Amino acid sequence: MAAASPPLEALVAAELAEPVEPRVSAMAAAIAAFYPGAARAVLFYGSCLREKQLEGLMLDFYLIVSDYRAAYGKSWMAPANRLIPPNVFPFEHEGLVAKYAVLSEADFLRLNGPETLSVSVWARFAQPSRLVWRADDEAARRAVAAVARAAPTLLDAAWPLFAGSDPLDLWRHGFQLTYSAELRSERKGRAVSVVDADPERYRRFSEPALAAAGIALAAPVPPEARRRALRRWARMRRAGKALTMIRLAKASGTYAGGIDYLAWKINRHAGTAIEIKPWQRRWPLLAAVTLLPKLLRRGAIR
């Protein structure tokens, strides 16, 4: 008899604890130092996890704080983070550049679960990530519990619209659905490549994540479950694309140089050659709004 798969939280805890390049840990500690008394955990995620050469790349972090008032005081950024999470900021340290998103512990737990129409957090944390800084053992425990919600949320949302029996295909299908629920600049096939970059990882996570979601992959999908899923994904696509625009507007007040980052990311992932003009840097929100229709027509974002 094959050995039982480790419980999902144990797998998540082991993955989050895997070592990273020392400069990544140093950057995470530097980010946390900007929020004394509020910072609880810093997680490193995204395509840079697979990169050994970090110069010239934009590293991605999530900073988890106890609450927004503790993080920002009476600043307008506290209600902005609470009403339209997350706030996103640029960061530089020891020759590396990054952006970090800020969420409270409560929002990080909630946004990794099925109770939200926004896919942006659970779609990312169903993928590999690392816990690169923590305030204490309780902060680490809460981070593990939150991240452990992401994979079951993804699989549960995707399964009613899936016709197959291979767990890896279900992961691929799930990521394709989440990419369609946001304005994304990645080339077609990017969602599939997420799984194909480390198929053994997704095989290892499949059984415990499916069990946590209560999914028997071989069981037929009830017609009503499929209809509910179609309606839910339609709502998530509408919400996700609208939220992208709202977050762009908010970023014009929190992210210096955000329009340049937006152009860089689209050029990198979509193979375009967007050049930002001086007026677009001065009026980044207007620039983003005027760029959007052109990028949609050209298929640079979807």
C-alpha atoms as a PDB file:
ATOM      1  CA  MET A   1       0.000   0.000   0.000  1.00  0.00           C
ATOM      2  CA  ALA A   2       1.313   3.443  -0.910  1.00  0.00           C
ATOM      3  CA  ALA A   3       2.112   5.784   1.938  1.00  0.00           C
ATOM      4  CA  ALA A   4      -0.552   8.355   2.674  1.00  0.00           C
ATOM      5  CA  SER A   5       0.118  11.884   1.488  1.00  0.00           C
ATOM      6  CA  PRO A   6       1.145  14.338   4.214  1.00  0.00           C
ATOM      7  CA  PRO A   7      -1.634  16.645   5.388  1.00  0.00           C
ATOM      8  CA  LEU A   8      -1.899  19.764   3.289  1.00  0.00           C
ATOM      9  CA  GLU A   9      -0.760  22.168   6.021  1.00  0.00           C
ATOM     10  CA  ALA A  10       2.385  20.070   6.573  1.00  0.00           C
ATOM     11  CA  LEU A  11       3.180  20.259   2.854  1.00  0.00           C
ATOM     12  CA  VAL A  12       2.572  23.999   2.822  1.00  0.00           C
ATOM     13  CA  ALA A  13       4.715  24.533   5.922  1.00  0.00           C
ATOM     14  CA  ALA A  14       7.589  22.545   4.415  1.00  0.00           C
ATOM     15  CA  GLU A  15       7.383  24.450   1.116  1.00  0.00           C
ATOM     16  CA  LEU A  16       7.197  27.843   2.807  1.00  0.00           C
ATOM     17  CA  ALA A  17      10.304  26.939   4.833  1.00  0.00           C
ATOM     18  CA  GLU A  18      12.480  26.109   1.813  1.00  0.00           C
ATOM     19  CA  PRO A  19      15.586  28.346   1.646  1.00  0.00           C
ATOM     20  CA  VAL A  20      15.913  31.318  -0.679  1.00  0.00           C
ATOM     21  CA  GLU A  21      18.794  33.440  -1.913  1.00  0.00           C
ATOM     22  CA  PRO A  22      20.145  35.388   1.108  1.00  0.00           C
ATOM     23  CA  ARG A  23      19.492  38.758  -0.561  1.00  0.00           C
ATOM     24  CA  VAL A  24      15.801  37.852  -0.805  1.00  0.00           C
ATOM     25  CA  SER A  25      15.649  37.244   2.953  1.00  0.00           C
ATOM     26  CA  ALA A  26      17.530  40.484   3.564  1.00  0.00           C
ATOM     27  CA  MET A  27      15.072  42.411   1.403  1.00  0.00           C
ATOM     28  CA  ALA A  28      12.121  40.846   3.230  1.00  0.00           C
ATOM     29  CA  ALA A  29      13.574  41.883   6.592  1.00  0.00           C
ATOM     30  CA  ALA A  30      14.127  45.400   5.265  1.00  0.00           C
ATOM     31  CA  ILE A  31      10.496  45.621   4.123  1.00  0.00           C
ATOM     32  CA  ALA A  32       9.281  44.426   7.534  1.00  0.00           C
ATOM     33  CA  ALA A  33      11.489  47.005   9.246  1.00  0.00           C
ATOM     34  CA  PHE A  34       9.416  49.776   7.658  1.00  0.00           C
ATOM     35  CA  TYR A  35       6.415  48.583   9.699  1.00  0.00           C
ATOM     36  CA  PRO A  36       7.696  48.139  13.268  1.00  0.00           C
ATOM     37  CA  GLY A  37       5.121  46.578  15.525  1.00  0.00           C
ATOM     38  CA  ALA A  38       2.755  45.856  12.619  1.00  0.00           C
ATOM     39  CA  ALA A  39       4.713  43.475  10.351  1.00  0.00           C
ATOM     40  CA  ARG A  40       3.798  39.835  10.940  1.00  0.00           C
ATOM     41  CA  ALA A  41       5.150  37.936   7.927  1.00  0.00           C
ATOM     42  CA  VAL A  42       6.704  38.467   4.506  1.00  0.00           C
ATOM     43  CA  LEU A  43       6.110  35.963   1.715  1.00  0.00           C
ATOM     44  CA  PHE A  44       8.097  35.694  -1.509  1.00  0.00           C
ATOM     45  CA  TYR A  45       6.248  34.397  -4.579  1.00  0.00           C
ATOM     46  CA  GLY A  46       6.089  34.558  -8.366  1.00  0.00           C
ATOM     47  CA  SER A  47       8.318  33.639 -11.269  1.00  0.00           C
ATOM     48  CA  CYS A  48      11.472  34.904  -9.506  1.00  0.00           C
ATOM     49  CA  LEU A  49      11.282  31.855  -7.221  1.00  0.00           C
ATOM     50  CA  ARG A  50      12.659  29.847 -10.136  1.00  0.00           C
ATOM     51  CA  GLU A  51      15.404  32.346 -11.015  1.00  0.00           C
ATOM     52  CA  LYS A  52      18.998  32.249  -9.800  1.00  0.00           C
ATOM     53  CA  GLN A  53      19.998  35.545 -11.434  1.00  0.00           C
ATOM     54  CA  LEU A  54      17.851  38.219  -9.780  1.00  0.00           C
ATOM     55  CA  GLU A  55      19.424  41.380 -11.183  1.00  0.00           C
ATOM     56  CA  GLY A  56      17.112  43.143 -13.612  1.00  0.00           C
ATOM     57  CA  LEU A  57      14.037  41.329 -12.293  1.00  0.00           C
ATOM     58  CA  MET A  58      11.145  42.609 -10.218  1.00  0.00           C
ATOM     59  CA  LEU A  59      10.794  40.482  -7.089  1.00  0.00           C
ATOM     60  CA  ASP A  60       7.322  39.957  -5.630  1.00  0.00           C
ATOM     61  CA  PHE A  61       6.463  39.971  -1.924  1.00  0.00           C
ATOM     62  CA  TYR A  62       3.391  40.042   0.270  1.00  0.00           C
ATOM     63  CA  LEU A  63       3.774  41.845   3.580  1.00  0.00           C
ATOM     64  CA  ILE A  64       1.267  40.608   6.160  1.00  0.00           C
ATOM     65  CA  VAL A  65       0.497  43.065   8.962  1.00  0.00           C
ATOM     66  CA  SER A  66      -1.483  42.766  12.176  1.00  0.00           C
ATOM     67  CA  ASP A  67      -3.948  45.411  10.965  1.00  0.00           C
ATOM     68  CA  TYR A  68      -3.940  48.458   8.703  1.00  0.00           C
ATOM     69  CA  ARG A  69      -4.160  51.098  11.443  1.00  0.00           C
ATOM     70  CA  ALA A  70      -1.040  49.626  13.067  1.00  0.00           C
ATOM     71  CA  ALA A  71       0.729  49.677   9.693  1.00  0.00           C
ATOM     72  CA  TYR A  72      -0.196  53.194   8.544  1.00  0.00           C
ATOM     73  CA  GLY A  73      -1.462  55.112  11.571  1.00  0.00           C
ATOM     74  CA  LYS A  74      -4.135  57.645  10.585  1.00  0.00           C
ATOM     75  CA  SER A  75      -3.009  57.854   6.955  1.00  0.00           C
ATOM     76  CA  TRP A  76      -5.563  57.506   4.132  1.00  0.00           C
ATOM     77  CA  MET A  77      -3.662  54.361   3.128  1.00  0.00           C
ATOM     78  CA  ALA A  78      -5.257  52.401   5.979  1.00  0.00           C
ATOM     79  CA  PRO A  79      -8.871  52.713   4.704  1.00  0.00           C
ATOM     80  CA  ALA A  80      -7.626  52.325   1.101  1.00  0.00           C
ATOM     81  CA  ASN A  81      -5.957  49.031   2.016  1.00  0.00           C
ATOM     82  CA  ARG A  82      -9.034  47.856   3.888  1.00  0.00           C
ATOM     83  CA  LEU A  83     -11.580  48.814   1.209  1.00  0.00           C
ATOM     84  CA  ILE A  84      -9.562  47.768  -1.881  1.00  0.00           C
ATOM     85  CA  PRO A  85      -6.856  45.344  -0.773  1.00  0.00           C
ATOM     86  CA  PRO A  86      -3.964  45.235  -1.264  1.00  0.00           C
ATOM     87  CA  ASN A  87      -1.892  48.397  -1.328  1.00  0.00           C
ATOM     88  CA  VAL A  88       1.219  47.927  -3.482  1.00  0.00           C
ATOM     89  CA  PHE A  89       4.563  49.701  -3.076  1.00  0.00           C
ATOM     90  CA  PRO A  90       7.940  49.622  -4.864  1.00  0.00           C
ATOM     91  CA  PHE A  91      11.112  48.739  -2.949  1.00  0.00           C
ATOM     92  CA  GLU A  92      14.857  48.625  -3.564  1.00  0.00           C
ATOM     93  CA  HIS A  93      17.526  46.937  -1.447  1.00  0.00           C
ATOM     94  CA  GLU A  94      21.115  45.884  -2.080  1.00  0.00           C
ATOM     95  CA  GLY A  95      20.843  46.388  -5.826  1.00  0.00           C
ATOM     96  CA  LEU A  96      17.589  44.447  -6.216  1.00  0.00           C
ATOM     97  CA  VAL A  97      14.151  45.881  -6.977  1.00  0.00           C
ATOM     98  CA  ALA A  98      10.798  44.593  -5.845  1.00  0.00           C
ATOM     99  CA  LYS A  99       7.191  45.391  -5.230  1.00  0.00           C
ATOM    100  CA  TYR A 100       5.292  44.342  -2.153  1.00  0.00           C
ATOM    101  CA  ALA A 101       1.584  44.088  -1.485  1.00  0.00           C
ATOM    102  CA  VAL A 102       0.189  44.724   1.999  1.00  0.00           C
ATOM    103  CA  LEU A 103      -2.571  42.654   3.566  1.00  0.00           C
ATOM    104  CA  SER A 104      -3.739  42.227   7.136  1.00  0.00           C
ATOM    105  CA  GLU A 105      -3.656  38.740   8.656  1.00  0.00           C
ATOM    106  CA  ALA A 106      -7.467  38.679   8.547  1.00  0.00           C
ATOM    107  CA  ASP A 107      -7.621  39.692   4.871  1.00  0.00           C
ATOM    108  CA  PHE A 108      -4.845  37.273   3.908  1.00  0.00           C
ATOM    109  CA  LEU A 109      -6.829  34.405   5.439  1.00  0.00           C
ATOM    110  CA  ARG A 110     -10.083  35.548   3.813  1.00  0.00           C
ATOM    111  CA  LEU A 111      -8.667  36.242   0.343  1.00  0.00           C
ATOM    112  CA  ASN A 112      -7.119  32.781   0.157  1.00  0.00           C
ATOM    113  CA  GLY A 113     -10.569  31.235   0.542  1.00  0.00           C
ATOM    114  CA  PRO A 114     -13.730  30.711  -1.521  1.00  0.00           C
ATOM    115  CA  GLU A 115     -15.676  33.533   0.140  1.00  0.00           C
ATOM    116  CA  THR A 116     -14.137  36.147  -2.166  1.00  0.00           C
ATOM    117  CA  LEU A 117     -14.883  36.897  -5.820  1.00  0.00           C
ATOM    118  CA  SER A 118     -11.302  38.092  -6.333  1.00  0.00           C
ATOM    119  CA  VAL A 119      -8.959  35.369  -7.553  1.00  0.00           C
ATOM    120  CA  SER A 120      -5.783  37.423  -7.211  1.00  0.00           C
ATOM    121  CA  VAL A 121      -4.569  36.069  -3.847  1.00  0.00           C
ATOM    122  CA  TRP A 122      -5.616  32.425  -3.907  1.00  0.00           C
ATOM    123  CA  ALA A 123      -4.545  31.999  -7.535  1.00  0.00           C
ATOM    124  CA  ARG A 124      -1.032  33.131  -6.575  1.00  0.00           C
ATOM    125  CA  PHE A 125      -0.727  31.189  -3.335  1.00  0.00           C
ATOM    126  CA  ALA A 126      -1.978  27.948  -4.883  1.00  0.00           C
ATOM    127  CA  GLN A 127       1.449  28.200  -6.523  1.00  0.00           C
ATOM    128  CA  PRO A 128       4.767  27.855  -4.651  1.00  0.00           C
ATOM    129  CA  SER A 129       5.797  30.596  -2.229  1.00  0.00           C
ATOM    130  CA  ARG A 130       8.275  31.075   0.599  1.00  0.00           C
ATOM    131  CA  LEU A 131       7.891  32.518   4.078  1.00  0.00           C
ATOM    132  CA  VAL A 132      11.050  34.653   4.125  1.00  0.00           C
ATOM    133  CA  TRP A 133      10.432  36.666   7.300  1.00  0.00           C
ATOM    134  CA  ARG A 134       8.173  36.224  10.308  1.00  0.00           C
ATOM    135  CA  ALA A 135       7.660  38.112  13.524  1.00  0.00           C
ATOM    136  CA  ASP A 136       7.220  34.977  15.654  1.00  0.00           C
ATOM    137  CA  ASP A 137       6.004  31.374  15.550  1.00  0.00           C
ATOM    138  CA  GLU A 138       2.345  32.411  15.777  1.00  0.00           C
ATOM    139  CA  ALA A 139       2.745  34.642  12.722  1.00  0.00           C
ATOM    140  CA  ALA A 140       4.263  31.693  10.846  1.00  0.00           C
ATOM    141  CA  ARG A 141       1.414  29.407  11.921  1.00  0.00           C
ATOM    142  CA  ARG A 142      -1.182  31.893  10.677  1.00  0.00           C
ATOM    143  CA  ALA A 143       0.645  32.326   7.366  1.00  0.00           C
ATOM    144  CA  VAL A 144       0.697  28.557   6.831  1.00  0.00           C
ATOM    145  CA  ALA A 145      -3.020  28.265   7.669  1.00  0.00           C
ATOM    146  CA  ALA A 146      -3.895  31.035   5.206  1.00  0.00           C
ATOM    147  CA  VAL A 147      -1.754  29.687   2.339  1.00  0.00           C
ATOM    148  CA  ALA A 148      -3.146  26.176   2.911  1.00  0.00           C
ATOM    149  CA  ARG A 149      -6.599  27.486   1.906  1.00  0.00           C
ATOM    150  CA  ALA A 150      -5.450  28.559  -1.566  1.00  0.00           C
ATOM    151  CA  ALA A 151      -5.001  25.246  -3.398  1.00  0.00           C
ATOM    152  CA  PRO A 152      -8.364  23.741  -2.280  1.00  0.00           C
ATOM    153  CA  THR A 153     -10.064  27.002  -3.270  1.00  0.00           C
ATOM    154  CA  LEU A 154      -8.557  26.840  -6.756  1.00  0.00           C
ATOM    155  CA  LEU A 155      -9.405  23.173  -7.318  1.00  0.00           C
ATOM    156  CA  ASP A 156     -12.915  23.486  -5.909  1.00  0.00           C
ATOM    157  CA  ALA A 157     -13.669  26.445  -8.197  1.00  0.00           C
ATOM    158  CA  ALA A 158     -12.264  24.696 -11.283  1.00  0.00           C
ATOM    159  CA  TRP A 159     -13.546  21.142 -10.810  1.00  0.00           C
ATOM    160  CA  PRO A 160     -17.216  21.672 -11.826  1.00  0.00           C
ATOM    161  CA  LEU A 161     -16.007  22.959 -15.237  1.00  0.00           C
ATOM    162  CA  PHE A 162     -13.393  20.229 -15.699  1.00  0.00           C
ATOM    163  CA  ALA A 163     -13.824  17.139 -17.845  1.00  0.00           C
ATOM    164  CA  GLY A 164     -10.963  14.790 -17.122  1.00  0.00           C
ATOM    165  CA  SER A 165      -9.264  12.595 -14.565  1.00  0.00           C
ATOM    166  CA  ASP A 166      -5.642  13.821 -14.476  1.00  0.00           C
ATOM    167  CA  PRO A 167      -5.039  16.054 -11.427  1.00  0.00           C
ATOM    168  CA  LEU A 168      -2.349  18.003 -13.298  1.00  0.00           C
ATOM    169  CA  ASP A 169      -4.896  18.875 -15.982  1.00  0.00           C
ATOM    170  CA  LEU A 170      -7.238  20.112 -13.260  1.00  0.00           C
ATOM    171  CA  TRP A 171      -4.507  22.416 -11.934  1.00  0.00           C
ATOM    172  CA  ARG A 172      -3.837  23.677 -15.474  1.00  0.00           C
ATOM    173  CA  HIS A 173      -7.544  24.239 -16.036  1.00  0.00           C
ATOM    174  CA  GLY A 174      -7.825  26.101 -12.740  1.00  0.00           C
ATOM    175  CA  PHE A 175      -4.975  28.459 -13.538  1.00  0.00           C
ATOM    176  CA  GLN A 176      -6.372  29.113 -17.018  1.00  0.00           C
ATOM    177  CA  LEU A 177      -9.671  30.123 -15.437  1.00  0.00           C
ATOM    178  CA  THR A 178      -7.966  32.448 -12.960  1.00  0.00           C
ATOM    179  CA  TYR A 179      -5.922  34.106 -15.709  1.00  0.00           C
ATOM    180  CA  SER A 180      -9.165  34.820 -17.555  1.00  0.00           C
ATOM    181  CA  ALA A 181     -10.582  36.456 -14.428  1.00  0.00           C
ATOM    182  CA  GLU A 182      -7.973  39.250 -14.332  1.00  0.00           C
ATOM    183  CA  LEU A 183      -6.466  41.677 -16.802  1.00  0.00           C
ATOM    184  CA  ARG A 184      -3.219  39.820 -17.490  1.00  0.00           C
ATOM    185  CA  SER A 185      -0.279  40.541 -19.782  1.00  0.00           C
ATOM    186  CA  GLU A 186       1.153  37.028 -19.971  1.00  0.00           C
ATOM    187  CA  ARG A 187       1.341  35.194 -23.276  1.00  0.00           C
ATOM    188  CA  LYS A 188      -1.219  32.505 -24.052  1.00  0.00           C
ATOM    189  CA  GLY A 189      -0.156  29.246 -22.428  1.00  0.00           C
ATOM    190  CA  ARG A 190       1.355  30.910 -19.368  1.00  0.00           C
ATOM    191  CA  ALA A 191      -1.205  29.258 -17.067  1.00  0.00           C
ATOM    192  CA  VAL A 192      -0.191  25.820 -18.356  1.00  0.00           C
ATOM    193  CA  SER A 193       3.515  26.573 -17.948  1.00  0.00           C
ATOM    194  CA  VAL A 194       2.984  27.316 -14.244  1.00  0.00           C
ATOM    195  CA  VAL A 195       2.230  23.621 -13.680  1.00  0.00           C
ATOM    196  CA  ASP A 196       4.674  22.287 -16.235  1.00  0.00           C
ATOM    197  CA  ALA A 197       7.552  24.157 -14.573  1.00  0.00           C
ATOM    198  CA  ASP A 198       7.262  21.837 -11.543  1.00  0.00           C
ATOM    199  CA  PRO A 199       4.786  18.995 -12.180  1.00  0.00           C
ATOM    200  CA  GLU A 200       6.088  16.925  -9.263  1.00  0.00           C
ATOM    201  CA  ARG A 201       5.147  19.700  -6.878  1.00  0.00           C
ATOM    202  CA  TYR A 202       1.568  19.701  -8.136  1.00  0.00           C
ATOM    203  CA  ARG A 203       1.367  15.905  -8.045  1.00  0.00           C
ATOM    204  CA  ARG A 204       2.536  16.001  -4.418  1.00  0.00           C
ATOM    205  CA  PHE A 205      -0.103  18.574  -3.511  1.00  0.00           C
ATOM    206  CA  SER A 206      -2.964  17.013  -5.486  1.00  0.00           C
ATOM    207  CA  GLU A 207      -4.251  14.357  -3.109  1.00  0.00           C
ATOM    208  CA  PRO A 208      -4.294  16.459   0.091  1.00  0.00           C
ATOM    209  CA  ALA A 209      -5.642  19.536  -1.724  1.00  0.00           C
ATOM    210  CA  LEU A 210      -8.429  17.530  -3.370  1.00  0.00           C
ATOM    211  CA  ALA A 211      -9.262  15.948  -0.010  1.00  0.00           C
ATOM    212  CA  ALA A 212      -9.368  19.360   1.678  1.00  0.00           C
ATOM    213  CA  ALA A 213     -11.742  20.567  -1.061  1.00  0.00           C
ATOM    214  CA  GLY A 214     -13.928  17.460  -0.705  1.00  0.00           C
ATOM    215  CA  ILE A 215     -13.416  16.529  -4.371  1.00  0.00           C
ATOM    216  CA  ALA A 216     -13.540  12.973  -5.718  1.00  0.00           C
ATOM    217  CA  LEU A 217     -12.001  13.568  -9.119  1.00  0.00           C
ATOM    218  CA  ALA A 218     -13.546  10.475 -10.688  1.00  0.00           C
ATOM    219  CA  ALA A 219     -17.080  11.412  -9.611  1.00  0.00           C
ATOM    220  CA  PRO A 220     -19.397  12.987 -12.182  1.00  0.00           C
ATOM    221  CA  VAL A 221     -20.123  16.689 -11.796  1.00  0.00           C
ATOM    222  CA  PRO A 222     -23.788  17.347 -10.987  1.00  0.00           C
ATOM    223  CA  PRO A 223     -25.385  19.582 -13.668  1.00  0.00           C
ATOM    224  CA  GLU A 224     -26.473  22.151 -11.081  1.00  0.00           C
ATOM    225  CA  ALA A 225     -22.922  22.378  -9.711  1.00  0.00           C
ATOM    226  CA  ARG A 226     -21.684  23.138 -13.228  1.00  0.00           C
ATOM    227  CA  ARG A 227     -24.339  25.836 -13.710  1.00  0.00           C
ATOM    228  CA  ARG A 228     -23.428  27.433 -10.355  1.00  0.00           C
ATOM    229  CA  ALA A 229     -19.753  27.375 -11.308  1.00  0.00           C
ATOM    230  CA  LEU A 230     -20.425  29.020 -14.675  1.00  0.00           C
ATOM    231  CA  ARG A 231     -22.351  31.810 -12.962  1.00  0.00           C
ATOM    232  CA  ARG A 232     -19.655  32.248 -10.315  1.00  0.00           C
ATOM    233  CA  TRP A 233     -16.802  32.431 -12.828  1.00  0.00           C
ATOM    234  CA  ALA A 234     -18.763  34.989 -14.842  1.00  0.00           C
ATOM    235  CA  ARG A 235     -19.084  37.115 -11.695  1.00  0.00           C
ATOM    236  CA  MET A 236     -15.399  36.620 -10.866  1.00  0.00           C
ATOM    237  CA  ARG A 237     -14.346  37.719 -14.362  1.00  0.00           C
ATOM    238  CA  ARG A 238     -16.429  40.881 -14.118  1.00  0.00           C
ATOM    239  CA  ALA A 239     -15.190  41.609 -10.607  1.00  0.00           C
ATOM    240  CA  GLY A 240     -11.565  40.809 -11.412  1.00  0.00           C
ATOM    241  CA  LYS A 241     -11.289  43.076 -14.437  1.00  0.00           C
ATOM    242  CA  ALA A 242     -13.080  45.926 -12.653  1.00  0.00           C
ATOM    243  CA  LEU A 243     -10.825  45.514  -9.614  1.00  0.00           C
ATOM    244  CA  THR A 244      -7.755  45.713 -11.834  1.00  0.00           C
ATOM    245  CA  MET A 245      -8.794  49.162 -13.024  1.00  0.00           C
ATOM    246  CA  ILE A 246      -9.662  50.329  -9.502  1.00  0.00           C
ATOM    247  CA  ARG A 247      -6.290  49.115  -8.211  1.00  0.00           C
ATOM    248  CA  LEU A 248      -4.536  50.948 -11.037  1.00  0.00           C
ATOM    249  CA  ALA A 249      -6.254  54.133  -9.910  1.00  0.00           C
ATOM    250  CA  LYS A 250      -5.241  53.546  -6.306  1.00  0.00           C
ATOM    251  CA  ALA A 251      -1.665  52.678  -7.300  1.00  0.00           C
ATOM    252  CA  SER A 252      -1.243  56.148  -8.805  1.00  0.00           C
ATOM    253  CA  GLY A 253      -1.188  57.388  -5.211  1.00  0.00           C
ATOM    254  CA  THR A 254       0.938  54.629  -3.631  1.00  0.00           C
ATOM    255  CA  TYR A 255       3.329  53.465  -6.355  1.00  0.00           C
ATOM    256  CA  ALA A 256       5.881  55.957  -7.676  1.00  0.00           C
ATOM    257  CA  GLY A 257       6.885  54.865 -11.162  1.00  0.00           C
ATOM    258  CA  GLY A 258       3.954  52.481 -11.410  1.00  0.00           C
ATOM    259  CA  ILE A 259       3.262  53.284 -15.071  1.00  0.00           C
ATOM    260  CA  ASP A 260       6.860  52.358 -15.951  1.00  0.00           C
ATOM    261  CA  TYR A 261       6.498  49.084 -14.074  1.00  0.00           C
ATOM    262  CA  LEU A 262       3.232  48.372 -15.879  1.00  0.00           C
ATOM    263  CA  ALA A 263       4.916  48.933 -19.256  1.00  0.00           C
ATOM    264  CA  TRP A 264       7.922  46.828 -18.262  1.00  0.00           C
ATOM    265  CA  LYS A 265       5.761  43.917 -17.168  1.00  0.00           C
ATOM    266  CA  ILE A 266       3.579  43.985 -20.288  1.00  0.00           C
ATOM    267  CA  ASN A 267       6.654  44.202 -22.539  1.00  0.00           C
ATOM    268  CA  ARG A 268       8.318  41.314 -20.711  1.00  0.00           C
ATOM    269  CA  HIS A 269       5.343  38.977 -20.718  1.00  0.00           C
ATOM    270  CA  ALA A 270       3.554  39.941 -23.932  1.00  0.00           C
ATOM    271  CA  GLY A 271       6.537  40.708 -26.182  1.00  0.00           C
ATOM    272  CA  THR A 272       5.424  44.299 -26.833  1.00  0.00           C
ATOM    273  CA  ALA A 273       7.599  47.438 -27.026  1.00  0.00           C
ATOM    274  CA  ILE A 274       5.600  50.036 -25.095  1.00  0.00           C
ATOM    275  CA  GLU A 275       7.480  53.276 -24.399  1.00  0.00           C
ATOM    276  CA  ILE A 276       6.170  55.618 -21.717  1.00  0.00           C
ATOM    277  CA  LYS A 277       6.049  59.295 -22.607  1.00  0.00           C
ATOM    278  CA  PRO A 278       6.772  62.108 -20.117  1.00  0.00           C
ATOM    279  CA  TRP A 279       3.096  63.137 -19.891  1.00  0.00           C
ATOM    280  CA  GLN A 280       2.149  59.545 -19.048  1.00  0.00           C
ATOM    281  CA  ARG A 281       4.523  59.579 -16.078  1.00  0.00           C
ATOM    282  CA  ARG A 282       2.971  62.822 -14.907  1.00  0.00           C
ATOM    283  CA  TRP A 283      -0.584  61.492 -15.243  1.00  0.00           C
ATOM    284  CA  PRO A 284      -0.234  57.712 -14.669  1.00  0.00           C
ATOM    285  CA  LEU A 285      -3.939  57.009 -14.172  1.00  0.00           C
ATOM    286  CA  LEU A 286      -4.892  58.759 -17.405  1.00  0.00           C
ATOM    287  CA  ALA A 287      -2.029  56.935 -19.144  1.00  0.00           C
ATOM    288  CA  ALA A 288      -3.241  53.554 -17.917  1.00  0.00           C
ATOM    289  CA  VAL A 289      -6.812  54.282 -19.007  1.00  0.00           C
ATOM    290  CA  THR A 290      -5.718  55.415 -22.498  1.00  0.00           C
ATOM    291  CA  LEU A 291      -3.324  52.473 -22.915  1.00  0.00           C
ATOM    292  CA  LEU A 292      -5.896  49.863 -21.937  1.00  0.00           C
ATOM    293  CA  PRO A 293      -8.073  49.864 -25.110  1.00  0.00           C
ATOM    294  CA  LYS A 294      -4.973  49.663 -27.342  1.00  0.00           C
ATOM    295  CA  LEU A 295      -3.530  46.781 -25.356  1.00  0.00           C
ATOM    296  CA  LEU A 296      -6.842  44.903 -25.414  1.00  0.00           C
ATOM    297  CA  ARG A 297      -7.131  45.306 -29.202  1.00  0.00           C
ATOM    298  CA  ARG A 298      -3.568  44.061 -29.694  1.00  0.00           C
ATOM    299  CA  GLY A 299      -4.105  41.128 -27.334  1.00  0.00           C
ATOM    300  CA  ALA A 300      -1.249  42.305 -25.072  1.00  0.00           C
ATOM    301  CA  ILE A 301      -3.576  41.922 -22.078  1.00  0.00           C
ATOM    302  CA  ARG A 302      -6.669  39.769 -21.751  1.00  0.00           C
END
